[in-house]
PDB file of N, CA and C in Angstrom:
ATOM      1  N   UNK A   1       0.972  -1.112  -0.047  1.00  0.00           N
ATOM      2  CA  UNK A   1      -0.082   0.066  -0.126  1.00  0.00           C
ATOM      3  C   UNK A   1       0.666   1.406  -0.218  1.00  0.00           C
ATOM      4  N   UNK A   2       0.559   1.795  -0.801  1.00  0.00           N
ATOM      5  CA  UNK A   2       1.433   3.134  -0.930  1.00  0.00           C
ATOM      6  C   UNK A   2       0.968   4.697   0.123  1.00  0.00           C
ATOM      7  N   UNK A   3       1.861   5.106   0.702  1.00  0.00           N
ATOM      8  CA  UNK A   3       1.456   6.184   1.026  1.00  0.00           C
ATOM      9  C   UNK A   3       0.935   7.810   0.445  1.00  0.00           C
ATOM     10  N   UNK A   4       0.159   8.543   0.697  1.00  0.00           N
ATOM     11  CA  UNK A   4      -0.438   9.549   0.065  1.00  0.00           C
ATOM     12  C   UNK A   4       0.280  10.243   0.420  1.00  0.00           C
ATOM     13  N   UNK A   5       1.007  11.331  -0.068  1.00  0.00           N
ATOM     14  CA  UNK A   5       1.995  12.658  -0.228  1.00  0.00           C
ATOM     15  C   UNK A   5       1.109  13.907   0.065  1.00  0.00           C
ATOM     16  N   UNK A   6       1.057  14.106   1.584  1.00  0.00           N
ATOM     17  CA  UNK A   6      -0.272  15.426   1.529  1.00  0.00           C
ATOM     18  C   UNK A   6       0.522  16.741   0.743  1.00  0.00           C
ATOM     19  N   UNK A   7      -0.417  17.442   0.206  1.00  0.00           N
ATOM     20  CA  UNK A   7      -0.135  18.679  -0.657  1.00  0.00           C
ATOM     21  C   UNK A   7       0.905  19.506   0.421  1.00  0.00           C
ATOM     22  N   UNK A   8       1.690  20.576   0.164  1.00  0.00           N
ATOM     23  CA  UNK A   8       2.881  21.046   0.165  1.00  0.00           C
ATOM     24  C   UNK A   8       2.669  22.017   1.488  1.00  0.00           C
ATOM     25  N   UNK A   9       0.791  22.455   0.832  1.00  0.00           N
ATOM     26  CA  UNK A   9       0.545  23.683   1.551  1.00  0.00           C
ATOM     27  C   UNK A   9       0.495  23.434   3.269  1.00  0.00           C
ATOM     28  N   UNK A  10       0.838  22.334   3.244  1.00  0.00           N
ATOM     29  CA  UNK A  10       0.396  22.198   4.884  1.00  0.00           C
ATOM     30  C   UNK A  10       1.470  21.782   5.889  1.00  0.00           C
ATOM     31  N   UNK A  11       2.975  21.818   4.780  1.00  0.00           N
ATOM     32  CA  UNK A  11       3.896  22.085   5.245  1.00  0.00           C
ATOM     33  C   UNK A  11       4.247  23.270   5.627  1.00  0.00           C
ATOM     34  N   UNK A  12       3.956  23.644   6.997  1.00  0.00           N
ATOM     35  CA  UNK A  12       4.382  25.332   7.575  1.00  0.00           C
ATOM     36  C   UNK A  12       6.089  25.635   7.041  1.00  0.00           C
ATOM     37  N   UNK A  13       7.058  24.764   6.920  1.00  0.00           N
ATOM     38  CA  UNK A  13       8.359  25.307   7.142  1.00  0.00           C
ATOM     39  C   UNK A  13       8.884  25.354   5.183  1.00  0.00           C
ATOM     40  N   UNK A  14       8.082  24.808   4.593  1.00  0.00           N
ATOM     41  CA  UNK A  14       8.091  25.071   3.128  1.00  0.00           C
ATOM     42  C   UNK A  14       7.541  26.485   2.877  1.00  0.00           C
ATOM     43  N   UNK A  15       6.437  26.702   3.641  1.00  0.00           N
ATOM     44  CA  UNK A  15       5.760  28.210   3.140  1.00  0.00           C
ATOM     45  C   UNK A  15       6.572  28.892   3.920  1.00  0.00           C
ATOM     46  N   UNK A  16       7.851  28.802   4.325  1.00  0.00           N
ATOM     47  CA  UNK A  16       8.731  29.821   4.701  1.00  0.00           C
ATOM     48  C   UNK A  16       8.070  30.944   6.123  1.00  0.00           C
ATOM     49  N   UNK A  17       7.272  29.983   7.184  1.00  0.00           N
ATOM     50  CA  UNK A  17       7.083  30.457   8.501  1.00  0.00           C
ATOM     51  C   UNK A  17       7.768  29.994   9.259  1.00  0.00           C
ATOM     52  N   UNK A  18       7.671  30.635  10.454  1.00  0.00           N
ATOM     53  CA  UNK A  18       7.816  30.111  11.841  1.00  0.00           C
ATOM     54  C   UNK A  18       7.445  28.978  12.285  1.00  0.00           C
ATOM     55  N   UNK A  19       7.473  28.321  13.366  1.00  0.00           N
ATOM     56  CA  UNK A  19       6.868  27.778  14.282  1.00  0.00           C
ATOM     57  C   UNK A  19       5.563  27.335  14.334  1.00  0.00           C
ATOM     58  N   UNK A  20       4.924  26.668  13.741  1.00  0.00           N
ATOM     59  CA  UNK A  20       3.185  26.856  13.795  1.00  0.00           C
ATOM     60  C   UNK A  20       2.831  26.574  15.056  1.00  0.00           C
ATOM     61  N   UNK A  21       1.787  27.420  15.505  1.00  0.00           N
ATOM     62  CA  UNK A  21       1.086  27.100  17.104  1.00  0.00           C
ATOM     63  C   UNK A  21       0.310  25.968  17.064  1.00  0.00           C
ATOM     64  N   UNK A  22      -0.550  26.006  17.987  1.00  0.00           N
ATOM     65  CA  UNK A  22      -0.500  24.547  18.693  1.00  0.00           C
ATOM     66  C   UNK A  22      -2.122  24.802  17.737  1.00  0.00           C
ATOM     67  N   UNK A  23      -2.869  25.586  17.876  1.00  0.00           N
ATOM     68  CA  UNK A  23      -4.220  25.581  16.942  1.00  0.00           C
ATOM     69  C   UNK A  23      -3.827  25.056  15.261  1.00  0.00           C
ATOM     70  N   UNK A  24      -3.110  25.537  14.957  1.00  0.00           N
ATOM     71  CA  UNK A  24      -2.863  25.066  13.370  1.00  0.00           C
ATOM     72  C   UNK A  24      -2.533  23.946  13.228  1.00  0.00           C
ATOM     73  N   UNK A  25      -1.565  23.499  13.741  1.00  0.00           N
ATOM     74  CA  UNK A  25      -0.989  21.844  13.964  1.00  0.00           C
ATOM     75  C   UNK A  25      -2.322  21.122  14.230  1.00  0.00           C
ATOM     76  N   UNK A  26      -2.946  21.391  15.106  1.00  0.00           N
ATOM     77  CA  UNK A  26      -3.962  20.373  15.296  1.00  0.00           C
ATOM     78  C   UNK A  26      -5.369  20.549  14.331  1.00  0.00           C
ATOM     79  N   UNK A  27      -5.597  21.458  13.667  1.00  0.00           N
ATOM     80  CA  UNK A  27      -5.968  21.728  12.242  1.00  0.00           C
ATOM     81  C   UNK A  27      -5.620  20.741  11.255  1.00  0.00           C
ATOM     82  N   UNK A  28      -4.154  21.107  11.202  1.00  0.00           N
ATOM     83  CA  UNK A  28      -3.445  20.016  10.143  1.00  0.00           C
ATOM     84  C   UNK A  28      -3.832  18.475  10.272  1.00  0.00           C
ATOM     85  N   UNK A  29      -3.685  18.355  11.602  1.00  0.00           N
ATOM     86  CA  UNK A  29      -4.121  17.150  12.319  1.00  0.00           C
ATOM     87  C   UNK A  29      -5.322  16.476  11.916  1.00  0.00           C
ATOM     88  N   UNK A  30      -6.094  17.032  11.869  1.00  0.00           N
ATOM     89  CA  UNK A  30      -8.222  17.046  11.710  1.00  0.00           C
ATOM     90  C   UNK A  30      -8.048  16.819  10.263  1.00  0.00           C
ATOM     91  N   UNK A  31      -7.373  17.772   9.332  1.00  0.00           N
ATOM     92  CA  UNK A  31      -7.544  17.462   8.200  1.00  0.00           C
ATOM     93  C   UNK A  31      -6.879  16.462   7.555  1.00  0.00           C
ATOM     94  N   UNK A  32      -5.905  16.136   8.164  1.00  0.00           N
ATOM     95  CA  UNK A  32      -5.215  14.615   7.502  1.00  0.00           C
ATOM     96  C   UNK A  32      -6.347  13.520   7.999  1.00  0.00           C
ATOM     97  N   UNK A  33      -6.467  13.370   9.200  1.00  0.00           N
ATOM     98  CA  UNK A  33      -7.355  12.571   9.642  1.00  0.00           C
ATOM     99  C   UNK A  33      -8.779  12.005   8.921  1.00  0.00           C
ATOM    100  N   UNK A  34      -8.991  13.308   8.542  1.00  0.00           N
ATOM    101  CA  UNK A  34     -10.654  13.579   7.972  1.00  0.00           C
ATOM    102  C   UNK A  34     -10.317  13.030   6.390  1.00  0.00           C
ATOM    103  N   UNK A  35      -9.247  13.357   5.853  1.00  0.00           N
ATOM    104  CA  UNK A  35      -8.841  12.855   4.994  1.00  0.00           C
ATOM    105  C   UNK A  35      -8.501  11.144   4.753  1.00  0.00           C
ATOM    106  N   UNK A  36      -7.785  10.831   5.358  1.00  0.00           N
ATOM    107  CA  UNK A  36      -7.363   9.295   5.775  1.00  0.00           C
ATOM    108  C   UNK A  36      -8.951   8.990   6.061  1.00  0.00           C
ATOM    109  N   UNK A  37      -9.873   9.230   7.000  1.00  0.00           N
ATOM    110  CA  UNK A  37     -10.777   8.295   7.414  1.00  0.00           C
ATOM    111  C   UNK A  37     -12.075   8.058   6.143  1.00  0.00           C
ATOM    112  N   UNK A  38     -11.260   9.229   5.076  1.00  0.00           N
ATOM    113  CA  UNK A  38     -12.413   9.031   4.120  1.00  0.00           C
ATOM    114  C   UNK A  38     -12.033   7.837   2.878  1.00  0.00           C
ATOM    115  N   UNK A  39     -10.538   8.127   2.470  1.00  0.00           N
ATOM    116  CA  UNK A  39      -9.900   7.230   1.917  1.00  0.00           C
ATOM    117  C   UNK A  39     -10.451   5.564   2.747  1.00  0.00           C
ATOM    118  N   UNK A  40     -10.381   5.604   3.761  1.00  0.00           N
ATOM    119  CA  UNK A  40     -10.594   4.527   4.237  1.00  0.00           C
ATOM    120  C   UNK A  40     -11.919   3.852   4.210  1.00  0.00           C
ATOM    121  N   UNK A  41     -12.926   5.074   4.634  1.00  0.00           N
ATOM    122  CA  UNK A  41     -14.361   4.773   3.712  1.00  0.00           C
ATOM    123  C   UNK A  41     -14.564   3.985   2.494  1.00  0.00           C
ATOM    124  N   UNK A  42     -13.732   4.851   1.761  1.00  0.00           N
ATOM    125  CA  UNK A  42     -14.025   4.321  -0.185  1.00  0.00           C
ATOM    126  C   UNK A  42     -13.992   3.268   0.039  1.00  0.00           C
ATOM    127  N   UNK A  43     -12.214   2.804   0.687  1.00  0.00           N
ATOM    128  CA  UNK A  43     -11.758   1.364   0.132  1.00  0.00           C
ATOM    129  C   UNK A  43     -12.767   0.425   0.671  1.00  0.00           C
ATOM    130  N   UNK A  44     -13.490   0.801   2.076  1.00  0.00           N
ATOM    131  CA  UNK A  44     -14.197  -0.159   2.713  1.00  0.00           C
ATOM    132  C   UNK A  44     -15.577  -0.450   1.938  1.00  0.00           C
ATOM    133  N   UNK A  45     -16.029   0.547   1.071  1.00  0.00           N
ATOM    134  CA  UNK A  45     -17.249   0.472   0.394  1.00  0.00           C
ATOM    135  C   UNK A  45     -16.441  -0.026  -0.960  1.00  0.00           C
ATOM    136  N   UNK A  46     -15.664  -0.183  -1.507  1.00  0.00           N
ATOM    137  CA  UNK A  46     -15.087  -0.724  -2.648  1.00  0.00           C
ATOM    138  C   UNK A  46     -15.341  -2.366  -2.318  1.00  0.00           C
ATOM    139  N   UNK A  47     -14.487  -2.559  -1.090  1.00  0.00           N
ATOM    140  CA  UNK A  47     -14.211  -3.784  -0.754  1.00  0.00           C
ATOM    141  C   UNK A  47     -15.728  -4.686  -0.395  1.00  0.00           C
ATOM    142  N   UNK A  48     -16.309  -3.895  -0.011  1.00  0.00           N
ATOM    143  CA  UNK A  48     -18.217  -4.475   0.180  1.00  0.00           C
ATOM    144  C   UNK A  48     -18.519  -4.836  -1.104  1.00  0.00           C
ATOM    145  N   UNK A  49     -18.809  -3.885  -1.993  1.00  0.00           N
ATOM    146  CA  UNK A  49     -19.119  -4.342  -3.244  1.00  0.00           C
ATOM    147  C   UNK A  49     -18.488  -5.565  -4.257  1.00  0.00           C
ATOM    148  N   UNK A  50     -17.120  -5.426  -3.995  1.00  0.00           N
ATOM    149  CA  UNK A  50     -16.127  -6.489  -4.565  1.00  0.00           C
ATOM    150  C   UNK A  50     -16.781  -7.791  -3.626  1.00  0.00           C
ATOM    151  N   UNK A  51     -17.137  -7.673  -2.877  1.00  0.00           N
ATOM    152  CA  UNK A  51     -17.403  -8.924  -2.222  1.00  0.00           C
ATOM    153  C   UNK A  51     -18.783  -9.087  -2.049  1.00  0.00           C
ATOM    154  N   UNK A  52     -19.607  -8.512  -2.367  1.00  0.00           N
ATOM    155  CA  UNK A  52     -20.973  -8.495  -3.046  1.00  0.00           C
ATOM    156  C   UNK A  52     -21.150  -9.748  -4.656  1.00  0.00           C
ATOM    157  N   UNK A  53     -20.164  -8.809  -5.634  1.00  0.00           N
ATOM    158  CA  UNK A  53     -19.891  -9.324  -6.459  1.00  0.00           C
ATOM    159  C   UNK A  53     -19.270 -10.995  -6.395  1.00  0.00           C
ATOM    160  N   UNK A  54     -18.436 -11.037  -5.912  1.00  0.00           N
ATOM    161  CA  UNK A  54     -17.939 -12.718  -5.561  1.00  0.00           C
ATOM    162  C   UNK A  54     -18.739 -13.510  -5.150  1.00  0.00           C
ATOM    163  N   UNK A  55     -19.640 -13.024  -3.929  1.00  0.00           N
ATOM    164  CA  UNK A  55     -20.397 -14.068  -3.505  1.00  0.00           C
ATOM    165  C   UNK A  55     -21.626 -14.586  -4.885  1.00  0.00           C
ATOM    166  N   UNK A  56     -21.983 -13.471  -5.796  1.00  0.00           N
ATOM    167  CA  UNK A  56     -22.968 -13.532  -6.984  1.00  0.00           C
ATOM    168  C   UNK A  56     -22.398 -14.888  -7.889  1.00  0.00           C
ATOM    169  N   UNK A  57     -20.728 -14.344  -7.742  1.00  0.00           N
ATOM    170  CA  UNK A  57     -20.251 -15.185  -8.700  1.00  0.00           C
ATOM    171  C   UNK A  57     -20.025 -16.714  -8.409  1.00  0.00           C
ATOM    172  N   UNK A  58     -20.269 -16.858  -7.176  1.00  0.00           N
ATOM    173  CA  UNK A  58     -19.847 -18.017  -5.992  1.00  0.00           C
ATOM    174  C   UNK A  58     -21.249 -18.867  -6.708  1.00  0.00           C
ATOM    175  N   UNK A  59     -22.585 -18.267  -6.355  1.00  0.00           N
ATOM    176  CA  UNK A  59     -23.187 -18.902  -6.515  1.00  0.00           C
ATOM    177  C   UNK A  59     -23.683 -19.095  -7.889  1.00  0.00           C
ATOM    178  N   UNK A  60     -23.381 -18.455  -8.776  1.00  0.00           N
ATOM    179  CA  UNK A  60     -22.879 -18.848 -10.054  1.00  0.00           C
ATOM    180  C   UNK A  60     -22.460 -19.902 -10.606  1.00  0.00           C
ATOM    181  N   UNK A  61     -21.139 -20.352 -10.314  1.00  0.00           N
ATOM    182  CA  UNK A  61     -20.804 -21.586 -10.120  1.00  0.00           C
ATOM    183  C   UNK A  61     -21.183 -22.434  -9.355  1.00  0.00           C
ATOM    184  N   UNK A  62     -21.930 -22.281  -8.007  1.00  0.00           N
ATOM    185  CA  UNK A  62     -22.449 -23.071  -7.392  1.00  0.00           C
ATOM    186  C   UNK A  62     -23.770 -24.061  -8.138  1.00  0.00           C
ATOM    187  N   UNK A  63     -24.628 -22.781  -8.659  1.00  0.00           N
ATOM    188  CA  UNK A  63     -25.429 -23.754  -9.996  1.00  0.00           C
ATOM    189  C   UNK A  63     -25.088 -24.307 -10.981  1.00  0.00           C
ATOM    190  N   UNK A  64     -23.833 -23.967 -11.611  1.00  0.00           N
ATOM    191  CA  UNK A  64     -23.220 -24.652 -12.979  1.00  0.00           C
ATOM    192  C   UNK A  64     -22.666 -26.158 -12.130  1.00  0.00           C
ATOM    193  N   UNK A  65     -21.929 -25.841 -10.923  1.00  0.00           N
ATOM    194  CA  UNK A  65     -21.859 -27.143 -10.892  1.00  0.00           C
ATOM    195  C   UNK A  65     -22.969 -27.899 -10.482  1.00  0.00           C
ATOM    196  N   UNK A  66     -23.751 -27.636  -9.869  1.00  0.00           N
ATOM    197  CA  UNK A  66     -25.062 -28.712  -9.482  1.00  0.00           C
ATOM    198  C   UNK A  66     -25.445 -29.167 -10.955  1.00  0.00           C
ATOM    199  N   UNK A  67     -25.796 -28.568 -11.990  1.00  0.00           N
ATOM    200  CA  UNK A  67     -25.667 -28.828 -13.504  1.00  0.00           C
ATOM    201  C   UNK A  67     -24.630 -29.991 -13.763  1.00  0.00           C
ATOM    202  N   UNK A  68     -23.469 -29.563 -13.866  1.00  0.00           N
ATOM    203  CA  UNK A  68     -22.557 -30.195 -13.727  1.00  0.00           C
ATOM    204  C   UNK A  68     -22.660 -31.825 -13.586  1.00  0.00           C
ATOM    205  N   UNK A  69     -22.967 -31.673 -12.386  1.00  0.00           N
ATOM    206  CA  UNK A  69     -23.025 -33.279 -11.601  1.00  0.00           C
ATOM    207  C   UNK A  69     -24.426 -34.056 -11.672  1.00  0.00           C
ATOM    208  N   UNK A  70     -25.887 -33.068 -11.937  1.00  0.00           N
ATOM    209  CA  UNK A  70     -27.036 -33.815 -12.727  1.00  0.00           C
ATOM    210  C   UNK A  70     -26.663 -34.243 -13.681  1.00  0.00           C
ATOM    211  N   UNK A  71     -25.636 -33.677 -14.917  1.00  0.00           N
ATOM    212  CA  UNK A  71     -25.476 -34.134 -16.358  1.00  0.00           C
ATOM    213  C   UNK A  71     -24.745 -35.351 -16.096  1.00  0.00           C
ATOM    214  N   UNK A  72     -23.598 -35.513 -15.196  1.00  0.00           N
ATOM    215  CA  UNK A  72     -22.647 -36.725 -15.025  1.00  0.00           C
ATOM    216  C   UNK A  72     -23.541 -37.721 -14.578  1.00  0.00           C
ATOM    217  N   UNK A  73     -24.389 -37.711 -13.884  1.00  0.00           N
ATOM    218  CA  UNK A  73     -25.133 -38.481 -13.030  1.00  0.00           C
ATOM    219  C   UNK A  73     -26.294 -39.200 -14.712  1.00  0.00           C
ATOM    220  N   UNK A  74     -26.595 -38.882 -15.380  1.00  0.00           N
ATOM    221  CA  UNK A  74     -27.221 -38.522 -16.293  1.00  0.00           C
ATOM    222  C   UNK A  74     -26.606 -39.452 -17.125  1.00  0.00           C
ATOM    223  N   UNK A  75     -25.210 -39.090 -17.350  1.00  0.00           N
ATOM    224  CA  UNK A  75     -24.272 -39.762 -18.303  1.00  0.00           C
ATOM    225  C   UNK A  75     -24.041 -41.098 -18.198  1.00  0.00           C
ATOM    226  N   UNK A  76     -23.489 -41.022 -16.533  1.00  0.00           N
ATOM    227  CA  UNK A  76     -22.975 -42.279 -15.955  1.00  0.00           C
ATOM    228  C   UNK A  76     -24.568 -43.387 -16.346  1.00  0.00           C
ATOM    229  N   UNK A  77     -25.763 -43.122 -15.796  1.00  0.00           N
ATOM    230  CA  UNK A  77     -26.546 -44.061 -15.808  1.00  0.00           C
ATOM    231  C   UNK A  77     -26.886 -44.748 -17.441  1.00  0.00           C
ATOM    232  N   UNK A  78     -26.524 -43.674 -18.202  1.00  0.00           N
ATOM    233  CA  UNK A  78     -26.950 -44.273 -19.721  1.00  0.00           C
ATOM    234  C   UNK A  78     -25.792 -45.012 -20.042  1.00  0.00           C
ATOM    235  N   UNK A  79     -24.294 -45.268 -19.569  1.00  0.00           N
ATOM    236  CA  UNK A  79     -23.115 -45.612 -19.706  1.00  0.00           C
ATOM    237  C   UNK A  79     -23.366 -47.202 -19.005  1.00  0.00           C
ATOM    238  N   UNK A  80     -23.680 -47.319 -17.938  1.00  0.00           N
ATOM    239  CA  UNK A  80     -24.622 -48.314 -17.393  1.00  0.00           C
ATOM    240  C   UNK A  80     -25.272 -48.889 -18.190  1.00  0.00           C
ATOM    241  N   UNK A  81     -26.881 -48.132 -18.672  1.00  0.00           N
ATOM    242  CA  UNK A  81     -27.310 -49.168 -19.352  1.00  0.00           C
ATOM    243  C   UNK A  81     -26.663 -49.449 -20.770  1.00  0.00           C
ATOM    244  N   UNK A  82     -26.133 -49.062 -22.017  1.00  0.00           N
ATOM    245  CA  UNK A  82     -25.255 -49.177 -22.827  1.00  0.00           C
ATOM    246  C   UNK A  82     -24.442 -50.729 -22.370  1.00  0.00           C
ATOM    247  N   UNK A  83     -23.946 -50.640 -21.244  1.00  0.00           N
ATOM    248  CA  UNK A  83     -23.085 -51.703 -20.671  1.00  0.00           C
ATOM    249  C   UNK A  83     -23.786 -52.623 -21.060  1.00  0.00           C
ATOM    250  N   UNK A  84     -24.589 -52.876 -20.065  1.00  0.00           N
ATOM    251  CA  UNK A  84     -25.639 -54.275 -19.959  1.00  0.00           C
ATOM    252  C   UNK A  84     -26.169 -54.455 -21.132  1.00  0.00           C
ATOM    253  N   UNK A  85     -26.742 -53.543 -22.345  1.00  0.00           N
ATOM    254  CA  UNK A  85     -27.141 -53.661 -23.257  1.00  0.00           C
ATOM    255  C   UNK A  85     -25.632 -54.598 -24.114  1.00  0.00           C
ATOM    256  N   UNK A  86     -25.069 -53.667 -24.070  1.00  0.00           N
ATOM    257  CA  UNK A  86     -23.637 -54.303 -24.442  1.00  0.00           C
ATOM    258  C   UNK A  86     -23.344 -56.101 -24.428  1.00  0.00           C
ATOM    259  N   UNK A  87     -23.337 -56.347 -22.828  1.00  0.00           N
ATOM    260  CA  UNK A  87     -22.732 -57.308 -22.695  1.00  0.00           C
ATOM    261  C   UNK A  87     -23.895 -58.360 -22.954  1.00  0.00           C
ATOM    262  N   UNK A  88     -25.464 -58.083 -22.920  1.00  0.00           N
ATOM    263  CA  UNK A  88     -25.799 -58.575 -23.287  1.00  0.00           C
ATOM    264  C   UNK A  88     -26.145 -59.446 -24.742  1.00  0.00           C
ATOM    265  N   UNK A  89     -25.660 -58.523 -25.415  1.00  0.00           N
ATOM    266  CA  UNK A  89     -25.516 -58.542 -27.352  1.00  0.00           C
ATOM    267  C   UNK A  89     -24.275 -59.641 -27.649  1.00  0.00           C
ATOM    268  N   UNK A  90     -23.107 -59.497 -26.388  1.00  0.00           N
ATOM    269  CA  UNK A  90     -22.053 -60.082 -26.457  1.00  0.00           C
ATOM    270  C   UNK A  90     -22.547 -61.918 -26.387  1.00  0.00           C
ATOM    271  N   UNK A  91     -23.570 -61.834 -25.748  1.00  0.00           N
ATOM    272  CA  UNK A  91     -23.319 -63.365 -25.246  1.00  0.00           C
ATOM    273  C   UNK A  91     -24.410 -64.059 -26.194  1.00  0.00           C
TER     274      UNK A  91
END
């Protein structure tokens, strides 16, 4: 995960000012916290959407697997029938 580089306007030393006061430092941290919380919320929403899509995909695959199992059972029943018929014909 890469870290976001905050805009340089929040870096007081780059702007040529002296040491910031406590209020400015607190506001800077609040802005960063709100921004990071927004990013986390956005990622969480994306993950929930992805999870929903995965569950949908798994359901589709499960239905396909059930159909394949049913077809296999039918095929095996037909094979047994044919094998029985061929054994009778050989006798």
